Amino acid sequence: MAQVETTDEMETRLLRVIAQAHFEVLAQDYTWRRMAHNQPPSQKAIACVRDGEAWYEFLPAERAILLRGIASSASISAKAQMRLALLLG
C-alpha cells in the first residue's frame, strides 16, 4: 500500500524541487487553464499542476485566453497561488 504524503512532506519535497530547478524567463505570455476530468495535457502545455482534485495546464496565452485566465484566477486556491509565487520568485 502506498504511503500518503502529509501536507508538510509535500511542501518540503516541492520546495526542494523548486530550489534545484533551472529558472528561465520566457518571452511569450503563458496562462494556467483548468483541465477537464481525465483530460490529457495539451501538446502545447509546458507544465501541469494539481491543486486538490483539480488539474491545471500551463499554456501559451492567446489574448482571449489570457483575459479569461485573469478573470478566473480567483478559482485557484490561495495555497496554490503562494506556491506559484515561490516558483516564480
C-alpha atoms as a PDB file:
ATOM      1  CA  MET A   1       0.000   0.000   0.000  1.00  0.00           C
ATOM      2  CA  ALA A   2       1.370   3.425  -0.986  1.00  0.00           C
ATOM      3  CA  GLN A   3       2.169   5.842   1.805  1.00  0.00           C
ATOM      4  CA  VAL A   4       0.262   9.130   1.638  1.00  0.00           C
ATOM      5  CA  GLU A   5       2.330  12.315   1.902  1.00  0.00           C
ATOM      6  CA  THR A   6       1.423  14.798   4.581  1.00  0.00           C
ATOM      7  CA  THR A   7       0.980  18.431   3.544  1.00  0.00           C
ATOM      8  CA  ASP A   8       4.276  19.337   5.220  1.00  0.00           C
ATOM      9  CA  GLU A   9       6.120  16.499   3.462  1.00  0.00           C
ATOM     10  CA  MET A  10       4.678  17.535   0.101  1.00  0.00           C
ATOM     11  CA  GLU A  11       5.637  21.172   0.662  1.00  0.00           C
ATOM     12  CA  THR A  12       9.181  20.190   1.676  1.00  0.00           C
ATOM     13  CA  ARG A  13       9.538  17.993  -1.416  1.00  0.00           C
ATOM     14  CA  LEU A  14       8.175  20.689  -3.744  1.00  0.00           C
ATOM     15  CA  LEU A  15      10.385  23.404  -2.274  1.00  0.00           C
ATOM     16  CA  ARG A  16      13.409  21.112  -2.718  1.00  0.00           C
ATOM     17  CA  VAL A  17      12.456  20.600  -6.384  1.00  0.00           C
ATOM     18  CA  ILE A  18      11.987  24.353  -6.867  1.00  0.00           C
ATOM     19  CA  ALA A  19      15.363  25.076  -5.249  1.00  0.00           C
ATOM     20  CA  GLN A  20      17.075  22.667  -7.661  1.00  0.00           C
ATOM     21  CA  ALA A  21      15.172  23.845 -10.736  1.00  0.00           C
ATOM     22  CA  HIS A  22      16.613  25.862 -13.583  1.00  0.00           C
ATOM     23  CA  PHE A  23      14.709  29.143 -13.894  1.00  0.00           C
ATOM     24  CA  GLU A  24      14.192  30.678 -17.325  1.00  0.00           C
ATOM     25  CA  VAL A  25      12.136  33.764 -18.187  1.00  0.00           C
ATOM     26  CA  LEU A  26      10.002  33.063 -21.226  1.00  0.00           C
ATOM     27  CA  ALA A  27       9.421  35.734 -23.854  1.00  0.00           C
ATOM     28  CA  GLN A  28       5.830  34.655 -24.503  1.00  0.00           C
ATOM     29  CA  ASP A  29       2.925  35.050 -22.077  1.00  0.00           C
ATOM     30  CA  TYR A  30       1.579  31.859 -20.501  1.00  0.00           C
ATOM     31  CA  THR A  31      -1.575  31.169 -18.532  1.00  0.00           C
ATOM     32  CA  TRP A  32      -2.945  28.413 -16.299  1.00  0.00           C
ATOM     33  CA  ARG A  33      -6.060  26.691 -17.648  1.00  0.00           C
ATOM     34  CA  ARG A  34      -8.110  24.192 -15.675  1.00  0.00           C
ATOM     35  CA  MET A  35      -8.291  20.788 -17.312  1.00  0.00           C
ATOM     36  CA  ALA A  36     -11.451  18.726 -17.620  1.00  0.00           C
ATOM     37  CA  HIS A  37     -11.632  15.489 -15.613  1.00  0.00           C
ATOM     38  CA  ASN A  38      -9.378  12.813 -17.214  1.00  0.00           C
ATOM     39  CA  GLN A  39      -8.294  15.241 -19.967  1.00  0.00           C
ATOM     40  CA  PRO A  40      -4.745  14.652 -21.178  1.00  0.00           C
ATOM     41  CA  PRO A  41      -2.484  17.726 -21.275  1.00  0.00           C
ATOM     42  CA  SER A  42      -2.391  19.767 -24.462  1.00  0.00           C
ATOM     43  CA  GLN A  43       0.691  19.223 -26.621  1.00  0.00           C
ATOM     44  CA  LYS A  44       1.374  22.957 -26.151  1.00  0.00           C
ATOM     45  CA  ALA A  45       1.399  22.695 -22.330  1.00  0.00           C
ATOM     46  CA  ILE A  46       4.805  23.179 -20.735  1.00  0.00           C
ATOM     47  CA  ALA A  47       3.635  22.173 -17.244  1.00  0.00           C
ATOM     48  CA  CYS A  48       0.726  20.684 -15.328  1.00  0.00           C
ATOM     49  CA  VAL A  49      -0.086  21.090 -11.652  1.00  0.00           C
ATOM     50  CA  ARG A  50      -2.676  19.575  -9.333  1.00  0.00           C
ATOM     51  CA  ASP A  51      -4.500  21.698  -6.786  1.00  0.00           C
ATOM     52  CA  GLY A  52      -6.609  19.372  -4.663  1.00  0.00           C
ATOM     53  CA  GLU A  53      -8.759  17.415  -7.114  1.00  0.00           C
ATOM     54  CA  ALA A  54      -8.315  19.918  -9.985  1.00  0.00           C
ATOM     55  CA  TRP A  55      -5.569  19.817 -12.622  1.00  0.00           C
ATOM     56  CA  TYR A  56      -4.273  22.896 -14.485  1.00  0.00           C
ATOM     57  CA  GLU A  57      -2.041  23.144 -17.526  1.00  0.00           C
ATOM     58  CA  PHE A  58       0.364  25.995 -18.329  1.00  0.00           C
ATOM     59  CA  LEU A  59      -0.203  27.062 -21.931  1.00  0.00           C
ATOM     60  CA  PRO A  60       0.961  29.791 -24.281  1.00  0.00           C
ATOM     61  CA  ALA A  61      -1.558  32.591 -23.825  1.00  0.00           C
ATOM     62  CA  GLU A  62      -3.678  33.924 -26.592  1.00  0.00           C
ATOM     63  CA  ARG A  63      -5.226  37.292 -25.822  1.00  0.00           C
ATOM     64  CA  ALA A  64      -8.710  35.848 -25.194  1.00  0.00           C
ATOM     65  CA  ILE A  65      -7.331  33.015 -23.042  1.00  0.00           C
ATOM     66  CA  LEU A  66      -5.143  35.443 -21.090  1.00  0.00           C
ATOM     67  CA  LEU A  67      -8.125  37.680 -20.288  1.00  0.00           C
ATOM     68  CA  ARG A  68     -10.264  34.696 -19.216  1.00  0.00           C
ATOM     69  CA  GLY A  69      -7.376  33.383 -17.110  1.00  0.00           C
ATOM     70  CA  ILE A  70      -7.027  36.664 -15.272  1.00  0.00           C
ATOM     71  CA  ALA A  71     -10.763  36.738 -14.617  1.00  0.00           C
ATOM     72  CA  SER A  72     -10.791  33.152 -13.298  1.00  0.00           C
ATOM     73  CA  SER A  73      -7.526  33.227 -11.321  1.00  0.00           C
ATOM     74  CA  ALA A  74      -9.517  33.567  -8.100  1.00  0.00           C
ATOM     75  CA  SER A  75     -10.587  29.928  -8.607  1.00  0.00           C
ATOM     76  CA  ILE A  76      -7.032  28.768  -7.805  1.00  0.00           C
ATOM     77  CA  SER A  77      -6.589  28.302  -4.074  1.00  0.00           C
ATOM     78  CA  ALA A  78      -4.535  30.756  -2.057  1.00  0.00           C
ATOM     79  CA  LYS A  79      -2.069  27.961  -1.248  1.00  0.00           C
ATOM     80  CA  ALA A  80      -1.552  27.193  -4.957  1.00  0.00           C
ATOM     81  CA  GLN A  81      -1.091  30.907  -5.682  1.00  0.00           C
ATOM     82  CA  MET A  82       1.516  31.121  -2.902  1.00  0.00           C
ATOM     83  CA  ARG A  83       3.403  28.114  -4.294  1.00  0.00           C
ATOM     84  CA  LEU A  84       3.309  29.660  -7.749  1.00  0.00           C
ATOM     85  CA  ALA A  85       4.659  32.934  -6.339  1.00  0.00           C
ATOM     86  CA  LEU A  86       7.528  30.999  -4.716  1.00  0.00           C
ATOM     87  CA  LEU A  87       8.220  29.257  -8.005  1.00  0.00           C
ATOM     88  CA  LEU A  88       8.280  32.496  -9.961  1.00  0.00           C
ATOM     89  CA  GLY A  89      10.465  34.172  -7.362  1.00  0.00           C
END
